[in-house]
PDB file of N, CA and C in Angstrom:
ATOM      1  N   MET A   1     126.608 137.641  94.820  1.00  0.00           N
ATOM      2  CA  MET A   1     126.469 136.667  93.865  1.00  0.00           C
ATOM      3  C   MET A   1     126.313 135.381  94.489  1.00  0.00           C
ATOM      4  N   ALA A   2     125.499 134.525  94.569  1.00  0.00           N
ATOM      5  CA  ALA A   2     125.577 133.146  95.209  1.00  0.00           C
ATOM      6  C   ALA A   2     126.437 132.198  94.793  1.00  0.00           C
ATOM      7  N   LEU A   3     126.775 132.123  93.490  1.00  0.00           N
ATOM      8  CA  LEU A   3     127.522 130.731  92.712  1.00  0.00           C
ATOM      9  C   LEU A   3     128.273 131.378  91.505  1.00  0.00           C
ATOM     10  N   LEU A   4     129.437 131.278  91.893  1.00  0.00           N
ATOM     11  CA  LEU A   4     130.505 131.514  90.646  1.00  0.00           C
ATOM     12  C   LEU A   4     131.132 130.241  90.233  1.00  0.00           C
ATOM     13  N   ILE A   5     131.232 130.091  89.097  1.00  0.00           N
ATOM     14  CA  ILE A   5     132.003 128.922  88.408  1.00  0.00           C
ATOM     15  C   ILE A   5     133.014 129.533  87.571  1.00  0.00           C
ATOM     16  N   THR A   6     134.026 128.898  87.590  1.00  0.00           N
ATOM     17  CA  THR A   6     135.196 129.215  86.946  1.00  0.00           C
ATOM     18  C   THR A   6     135.447 128.463  85.695  1.00  0.00           C
ATOM     19  N   CYS A   7     135.326 128.931  84.543  1.00  0.00           N
ATOM     20  CA  CYS A   7     135.229 128.434  83.255  1.00  0.00           C
ATOM     21  C   CYS A   7     136.930 128.222  83.063  1.00  0.00           C
ATOM     22  N   PRO A   8     137.409 127.169  82.602  1.00  0.00           N
ATOM     23  CA  PRO A   8     138.807 127.173  82.041  1.00  0.00           C
ATOM     24  C   PRO A   8     139.207 127.867  80.843  1.00  0.00           C
ATOM     25  N   ASN A   9     138.059 128.294  79.971  1.00  0.00           N
ATOM     26  CA  ASN A   9     138.353 129.296  78.974  1.00  0.00           C
ATOM     27  C   ASN A   9     138.196 130.910  79.414  1.00  0.00           C
ATOM     28  N   CYS A  10     137.136 130.897  80.139  1.00  0.00           N
ATOM     29  CA  CYS A  10     136.544 132.600  80.176  1.00  0.00           C
ATOM     30  C   CYS A  10     136.948 133.178  81.506  1.00  0.00           C
ATOM     31  N   GLY A  11     137.439 132.021  82.568  1.00  0.00           N
ATOM     32  CA  GLY A  11     137.729 132.739  84.290  1.00  0.00           C
ATOM     33  C   GLY A  11     136.324 132.515  84.932  1.00  0.00           C
ATOM     34  N   SER A  12     136.199 133.275  85.968  1.00  0.00           N
ATOM     35  CA  SER A  12     135.054 133.167  86.810  1.00  0.00           C
ATOM     36  C   SER A  12     134.067 133.984  86.305  1.00  0.00           C
ATOM     37  N   ARG A  13     132.961 133.424  86.436  1.00  0.00           N
ATOM     38  CA  ARG A  13     131.561 133.792  86.065  1.00  0.00           C
ATOM     39  C   ARG A  13     130.424 133.564  86.851  1.00  0.00           C
ATOM     40  N   ALA A  14     129.316 134.214  86.730  1.00  0.00           N
ATOM     41  CA  ALA A  14     128.126 133.963  87.363  1.00  0.00           C
ATOM     42  C   ALA A  14     127.596 132.556  86.958  1.00  0.00           C
ATOM     43  N   TYR A  15     126.853 132.056  87.903  1.00  0.00           N
ATOM     44  CA  TYR A  15     126.039 130.748  87.397  1.00  0.00           C
ATOM     45  C   TYR A  15     125.045 130.953  86.294  1.00  0.00           C
ATOM     46  N   THR A  16     124.477 132.416  86.250  1.00  0.00           N
ATOM     47  CA  THR A  16     123.575 132.707  85.248  1.00  0.00           C
ATOM     48  C   THR A  16     124.106 132.461  83.845  1.00  0.00           C
ATOM     49  N   GLU A  17     125.408 132.553  83.623  1.00  0.00           N
ATOM     50  CA  GLU A  17     125.875 132.304  82.313  1.00  0.00           C
ATOM     51  C   GLU A  17     126.009 130.845  81.821  1.00  0.00           C
ATOM     52  N   PHE A  18     125.404 129.816  82.737  1.00  0.00           N
ATOM     53  CA  PHE A  18     125.750 128.670  82.411  1.00  0.00           C
ATOM     54  C   PHE A  18     124.218 127.644  82.376  1.00  0.00           C
ATOM     55  N   TRP A  19     124.057 126.771  81.656  1.00  0.00           N
ATOM     56  CA  TRP A  19     123.006 125.943  81.881  1.00  0.00           C
ATOM     57  C   TRP A  19     123.369 124.705  82.804  1.00  0.00           C
ATOM     58  N   PHE A  20     122.809 124.212  83.758  1.00  0.00           N
ATOM     59  CA  PHE A  20     122.959 123.079  84.457  1.00  0.00           C
ATOM     60  C   PHE A  20     122.790 121.903  83.796  1.00  0.00           C
ATOM     61  N   GLY A  21     123.448 120.926  83.696  1.00  0.00           N
ATOM     62  CA  GLY A  21     123.564 119.773  82.973  1.00  0.00           C
ATOM     63  C   GLY A  21     123.213 118.351  83.632  1.00  0.00           C
ATOM     64  N   GLY A  22     123.004 118.585  85.207  1.00  0.00           N
ATOM     65  CA  GLY A  22     122.903 117.476  85.871  1.00  0.00           C
ATOM     66  C   GLY A  22     124.150 116.991  86.684  1.00  0.00           C
ATOM     67  N   GLU A  23     123.640 116.183  87.440  1.00  0.00           N
ATOM     68  CA  GLU A  23     124.587 115.382  88.522  1.00  0.00           C
ATOM     69  C   GLU A  23     125.087 114.230  87.375  1.00  0.00           C
ATOM     70  N   LEU A  24     126.506 113.990  87.696  1.00  0.00           N
ATOM     71  CA  LEU A  24     127.246 113.115  87.111  1.00  0.00           C
ATOM     72  C   LEU A  24     126.750 111.780  87.401  1.00  0.00           C
ATOM     73  N   PRO A  25     126.401 110.929  86.681  1.00  0.00           N
ATOM     74  CA  PRO A  25     126.137 109.320  87.311  1.00  0.00           C
ATOM     75  C   PRO A  25     127.023 108.687  87.951  1.00  0.00           C
ATOM     76  N   ALA A  26     126.572 107.722  88.952  1.00  0.00           N
ATOM     77  CA  ALA A  26     127.987 106.608  89.464  1.00  0.00           C
ATOM     78  C   ALA A  26     128.685 105.913  88.323  1.00  0.00           C
ATOM     79  N   PRO A  27     129.950 106.032  88.685  1.00  0.00           N
ATOM     80  CA  PRO A  27     130.670 105.214  87.527  1.00  0.00           C
ATOM     81  C   PRO A  27     130.022 103.732  87.166  1.00  0.00           C
ATOM     82  N   PRO A  28     130.458 103.167  85.844  1.00  0.00           N
ATOM     83  CA  PRO A  28     129.853 101.736  85.307  1.00  0.00           C
ATOM     84  C   PRO A  28     130.413 100.804  86.133  1.00  0.00           C
ATOM     85  N   PRO A  29     129.944  99.690  86.160  1.00  0.00           N
ATOM     86  CA  PRO A  29     130.524  98.602  86.667  1.00  0.00           C
ATOM     87  C   PRO A  29     131.808  98.257  85.871  1.00  0.00           C
ATOM     88  N   ALA A  30     132.585  97.285  86.543  1.00  0.00           N
ATOM     89  CA  ALA A  30     134.000  96.787  85.991  1.00  0.00           C
ATOM     90  C   ALA A  30     133.831  96.236  84.905  1.00  0.00           C
ATOM     91  N   PRO A  31     134.583  96.067  83.874  1.00  0.00           N
ATOM     92  CA  PRO A  31     134.342  95.416  82.646  1.00  0.00           C
ATOM     93  C   PRO A  31     134.410  93.924  83.001  1.00  0.00           C
ATOM     94  N   GLY A  32     133.503  93.412  82.428  1.00  0.00           N
ATOM     95  CA  GLY A  32     133.302  91.722  82.566  1.00  0.00           C
ATOM     96  C   GLY A  32     132.312  91.477  83.703  1.00  0.00           C
ATOM     97  N   ALA A  33     131.920  92.375  84.505  1.00  0.00           N
ATOM     98  CA  ALA A  33     131.235  92.226  85.677  1.00  0.00           C
ATOM     99  C   ALA A  33     129.799  92.010  85.246  1.00  0.00           C
ATOM    100  N   PRO A  34     128.893  91.028  85.852  1.00  0.00           N
ATOM    101  CA  PRO A  34     127.658  90.805  85.437  1.00  0.00           C
ATOM    102  C   PRO A  34     126.880  92.238  85.549  1.00  0.00           C
ATOM    103  N   VAL A  35     126.015  92.278  84.694  1.00  0.00           N
ATOM    104  CA  VAL A  35     125.109  93.474  84.586  1.00  0.00           C
ATOM    105  C   VAL A  35     123.692  93.018  84.945  1.00  0.00           C
ATOM    106  N   ASP A  36     123.313  93.829  86.125  1.00  0.00           N
ATOM    107  CA  ASP A  36     121.724  93.997  86.642  1.00  0.00           C
ATOM    108  C   ASP A  36     121.167  95.047  85.875  1.00  0.00           C
ATOM    109  N   ALA A  37     120.231  94.803  84.989  1.00  0.00           N
ATOM    110  CA  ALA A  37     119.463  95.690  84.347  1.00  0.00           C
ATOM    111  C   ALA A  37     118.825  96.728  85.154  1.00  0.00           C
ATOM    112  N   SER A  38     118.281  96.462  86.480  1.00  0.00           N
ATOM    113  CA  SER A  38     117.548  97.645  87.181  1.00  0.00           C
ATOM    114  C   SER A  38     118.726  98.355  87.940  1.00  0.00           C
ATOM    115  N   ALA A  39     119.863  97.546  88.105  1.00  0.00           N
ATOM    116  CA  ALA A  39     120.903  98.352  88.745  1.00  0.00           C
ATOM    117  C   ALA A  39     121.296  99.391  87.801  1.00  0.00           C
ATOM    118  N   GLU A  40     121.575  99.294  86.532  1.00  0.00           N
ATOM    119  CA  GLU A  40     122.067  99.846  85.564  1.00  0.00           C
ATOM    120  C   GLU A  40     121.060 101.258  85.274  1.00  0.00           C
ATOM    121  N   PHE A  41     119.847 100.845  85.250  1.00  0.00           N
ATOM    122  CA  PHE A  41     119.066 102.139  85.165  1.00  0.00           C
ATOM    123  C   PHE A  41     119.058 103.099  86.331  1.00  0.00           C
ATOM    124  N   GLY A  42     119.074 102.839  87.309  1.00  0.00           N
ATOM    125  CA  GLY A  42     119.202 103.361  88.466  1.00  0.00           C
ATOM    126  C   GLY A  42     120.712 104.095  88.366  1.00  0.00           C
ATOM    127  N   ARG A  43     121.699 103.621  88.003  1.00  0.00           N
ATOM    128  CA  ARG A  43     123.012 104.248  87.853  1.00  0.00           C
ATOM    129  C   ARG A  43     122.796 105.662  87.100  1.00  0.00           C
ATOM    130  N   VAL A  44     122.070 105.468  85.861  1.00  0.00           N
ATOM    131  CA  VAL A  44     122.041 106.274  85.251  1.00  0.00           C
ATOM    132  C   VAL A  44     120.939 107.683  85.422  1.00  0.00           C
ATOM    133  N   TRP A  45     119.775 107.210  85.800  1.00  0.00           N
ATOM    134  CA  TRP A  45     118.861 107.738  86.020  1.00  0.00           C
ATOM    135  C   TRP A  45     118.219 108.242  87.237  1.00  0.00           C
ATOM    136  N   TYR A  46     118.563 107.789  88.279  1.00  0.00           N
ATOM    137  CA  TYR A  46     118.349 108.179  89.639  1.00  0.00           C
ATOM    138  C   TYR A  46     119.510 108.659  90.143  1.00  0.00           C
ATOM    139  N   ARG A  47     119.601 109.976  90.780  1.00  0.00           N
ATOM    140  CA  ARG A  47     120.771 110.740  91.268  1.00  0.00           C
ATOM    141  C   ARG A  47     120.756 110.470  92.270  1.00  0.00           C
ATOM    142  N   ARG A  48     121.933 110.412  93.293  1.00  0.00           N
ATOM    143  CA  ARG A  48     122.096 110.475  94.423  1.00  0.00           C
ATOM    144  C   ARG A  48     121.599 111.461  95.415  1.00  0.00           C
ATOM    145  N   ASN A  49     122.019 112.817  94.864  1.00  0.00           N
ATOM    146  CA  ASN A  49     121.441 114.051  95.585  1.00  0.00           C
ATOM    147  C   ASN A  49     122.007 114.105  96.935  1.00  0.00           C
ATOM    148  N   VAL A  50     123.396 114.037  97.078  1.00  0.00           N
ATOM    149  CA  VAL A  50     124.364 113.815  98.260  1.00  0.00           C
ATOM    150  C   VAL A  50     124.032 115.342  99.005  1.00  0.00           C
ATOM    151  N   ALA A  51     124.402 115.463 100.305  1.00  0.00           N
ATOM    152  CA  ALA A  51     124.665 116.853 100.861  1.00  0.00           C
ATOM    153  C   ALA A  51     126.313 116.533 101.285  1.00  0.00           C
ATOM    154  N   GLY A  52     126.731 117.623 100.032  1.00  0.00           N
ATOM    155  CA  GLY A  52     128.220 117.638  99.934  1.00  0.00           C
ATOM    156  C   GLY A  52     128.655 117.635  98.552  1.00  0.00           C
ATOM    157  N   LEU A  53     129.754 117.201  98.507  1.00  0.00           N
ATOM    158  CA  LEU A  53     130.376 117.306  97.194  1.00  0.00           C
ATOM    159  C   LEU A  53     129.919 116.362  96.181  1.00  0.00           C
ATOM    160  N   GLN A  54     129.601 116.824  95.024  1.00  0.00           N
ATOM    161  CA  GLN A  54     128.956 116.194  93.836  1.00  0.00           C
ATOM    162  C   GLN A  54     129.777 116.679  92.602  1.00  0.00           C
ATOM    163  N   ALA A  55     129.802 115.681  91.757  1.00  0.00           N
ATOM    164  CA  ALA A  55     130.219 116.035  90.398  1.00  0.00           C
ATOM    165  C   ALA A  55     129.193 116.497  89.523  1.00  0.00           C
ATOM    166  N   GLU A  56     129.273 117.616  88.825  1.00  0.00           N
ATOM    167  CA  GLU A  56     128.142 118.030  87.911  1.00  0.00           C
ATOM    168  C   GLU A  56     128.769 118.665  86.522  1.00  0.00           C
ATOM    169  N   ARG A  57     127.949 118.787  85.729  1.00  0.00           N
ATOM    170  CA  ARG A  57     128.292 119.119  84.395  1.00  0.00           C
ATOM    171  C   ARG A  57     127.440 120.452  84.309  1.00  0.00           C
ATOM    172  N   TRP A  58     128.151 121.513  83.438  1.00  0.00           N
ATOM    173  CA  TRP A  58     127.502 122.707  83.181  1.00  0.00           C
ATOM    174  C   TRP A  58     127.845 123.298  82.008  1.00  0.00           C
ATOM    175  N   PHE A  59     127.159 123.763  81.400  1.00  0.00           N
ATOM    176  CA  PHE A  59     127.209 124.298  79.832  1.00  0.00           C
ATOM    177  C   PHE A  59     127.271 125.928  79.926  1.00  0.00           C
ATOM    178  N   HIS A  60     128.325 126.508  79.317  1.00  0.00           N
ATOM    179  CA  HIS A  60     128.665 127.583  79.586  1.00  0.00           C
ATOM    180  C   HIS A  60     128.220 128.408  77.950  1.00  0.00           C
ATOM    181  N   PHE A  61     126.850 128.562  78.124  1.00  0.00           N
ATOM    182  CA  PHE A  61     126.035 128.963  76.854  1.00  0.00           C
ATOM    183  C   PHE A  61     126.380 130.411  76.577  1.00  0.00           C
ATOM    184  N   ALA A  62     126.600 131.310  77.806  1.00  0.00           N
ATOM    185  CA  ALA A  62     126.931 132.744  77.380  1.00  0.00           C
ATOM    186  C   ALA A  62     128.512 133.224  77.370  1.00  0.00           C
ATOM    187  N   GLY A  63     128.892 132.208  76.798  1.00  0.00           N
ATOM    188  CA  GLY A  63     130.458 132.508  76.863  1.00  0.00           C
ATOM    189  C   GLY A  63     131.001 131.511  75.989  1.00  0.00           C
ATOM    190  N   CYS A  64     132.170 130.515  76.109  1.00  0.00           N
ATOM    191  CA  CYS A  64     132.705 129.724  75.228  1.00  0.00           C
ATOM    192  C   CYS A  64     131.671 128.499  74.433  1.00  0.00           C
ATOM    193  N   ARG A  65     130.603 128.584  75.150  1.00  0.00           N
ATOM    194  CA  ARG A  65     129.599 127.443  74.781  1.00  0.00           C
ATOM    195  C   ARG A  65     130.502 125.907  74.965  1.00  0.00           C
ATOM    196  N   ARG A  66     130.966 125.906  76.149  1.00  0.00           N
ATOM    197  CA  ARG A  66     131.699 124.385  76.097  1.00  0.00           C
ATOM    198  C   ARG A  66     131.062 123.840  77.378  1.00  0.00           C
ATOM    199  N   TRP A  67     131.177 122.606  77.388  1.00  0.00           N
ATOM    200  CA  TRP A  67     130.625 121.704  78.824  1.00  0.00           C
ATOM    201  C   TRP A  67     132.004 121.880  79.491  1.00  0.00           C
ATOM    202  N   LEU A  68     131.579 121.891  81.023  1.00  0.00           N
ATOM    203  CA  LEU A  68     132.789 121.727  81.886  1.00  0.00           C
ATOM    204  C   LEU A  68     131.739 120.858  83.223  1.00  0.00           C
ATOM    205  N   THR A  69     132.952 120.223  83.881  1.00  0.00           N
ATOM    206  CA  THR A  69     132.637 119.439  85.016  1.00  0.00           C
ATOM    207  C   THR A  69     133.141 120.201  86.169  1.00  0.00           C
ATOM    208  N   VAL A  70     132.394 120.040  87.133  1.00  0.00           N
ATOM    209  CA  VAL A  70     132.769 120.727  88.612  1.00  0.00           C
ATOM    210  C   VAL A  70     132.394 120.149  89.757  1.00  0.00           C
ATOM    211  N   GLN A  71     133.164 120.485  90.657  1.00  0.00           N
ATOM    212  CA  GLN A  71     132.693 119.792  92.219  1.00  0.00           C
ATOM    213  C   GLN A  71     131.958 120.530  92.965  1.00  0.00           C
ATOM    214  N   ARG A  72     130.829 120.513  93.256  1.00  0.00           N
ATOM    215  CA  ARG A  72     130.012 121.674  93.882  1.00  0.00           C
ATOM    216  C   ARG A  72     129.268 120.772  95.424  1.00  0.00           C
ATOM    217  N   ASP A  73     129.775 121.829  96.410  1.00  0.00           N
ATOM    218  CA  ASP A  73     129.158 121.488  97.540  1.00  0.00           C
ATOM    219  C   ASP A  73     127.758 121.962  97.654  1.00  0.00           C
ATOM    220  N   THR A  74     126.737 120.955  97.528  1.00  0.00           N
ATOM    221  CA  THR A  74     125.141 121.286  97.794  1.00  0.00           C
ATOM    222  C   THR A  74     124.866 121.973  98.867  1.00  0.00           C
ATOM    223  N   ARG A  75     125.580 121.772  99.962  1.00  0.00           N
ATOM    224  CA  ARG A  75     125.144 122.420 101.296  1.00  0.00           C
ATOM    225  C   ARG A  75     125.371 123.849 101.359  1.00  0.00           C
ATOM    226  N   THR A  76     126.684 124.365 100.683  1.00  0.00           N
ATOM    227  CA  THR A  76     127.001 125.928 100.534  1.00  0.00           C
ATOM    228  C   THR A  76     127.240 126.291  98.929  1.00  0.00           C
ATOM    229  N   ASN A  77     126.962 125.673  97.882  1.00  0.00           N
ATOM    230  CA  ASN A  77     126.858 125.961  96.492  1.00  0.00           C
ATOM    231  C   ASN A  77     128.494 126.630  96.187  1.00  0.00           C
ATOM    232  N   ALA A  78     129.266 126.011  97.306  1.00  0.00           N
ATOM    233  CA  ALA A  78     130.741 126.686  96.736  1.00  0.00           C
ATOM    234  C   ALA A  78     131.352 125.633  95.780  1.00  0.00           C
ATOM    235  N   VAL A  79     131.797 125.898  94.631  1.00  0.00           N
ATOM    236  CA  VAL A  79     132.371 125.178  93.612  1.00  0.00           C
ATOM    237  C   VAL A  79     133.922 125.035  93.862  1.00  0.00           C
ATOM    238  N   HIS A  80     134.436 123.708  93.662  1.00  0.00           N
ATOM    239  CA  HIS A  80     135.700 123.592  94.551  1.00  0.00           C
ATOM    240  C   HIS A  80     136.599 123.011  93.186  1.00  0.00           C
ATOM    241  N   ALA A  81     136.131 122.628  92.294  1.00  0.00           N
ATOM    242  CA  ALA A  81     137.137 122.355  91.247  1.00  0.00           C
ATOM    243  C   ALA A  81     136.427 122.452  89.934  1.00  0.00           C
ATOM    244  N   GLY A  82     137.234 122.756  88.687  1.00  0.00           N
ATOM    245  CA  GLY A  82     136.547 122.361  87.255  1.00  0.00           C
ATOM    246  C   GLY A  82     137.428 121.943  86.372  1.00  0.00           C
ATOM    247  N   ASP A  83     137.125 121.570  85.157  1.00  0.00           N
ATOM    248  CA  ASP A  83     137.970 121.294  84.025  1.00  0.00           C
ATOM    249  C   ASP A  83     138.056 122.235  82.983  1.00  0.00           C
TER     250      ASP A  83
END
């Protein structure tokens, strides 16, 4: 099995029990900072697609039906943390 995701409710499961929800966008600008509309669009819609650890959302559709956030290494598909 290539990718195991540990659900906090159901334990370690195959990735086929989950739906990929995408990479988490970069954090928003600090409160009160000037907002650049083009930068804000890019923050939400253009993903970094880094080689290494990235935060992702996964939906456990075949289990507890909850969303979780994991840190996945895109080079090895190893999941390092979850909530």
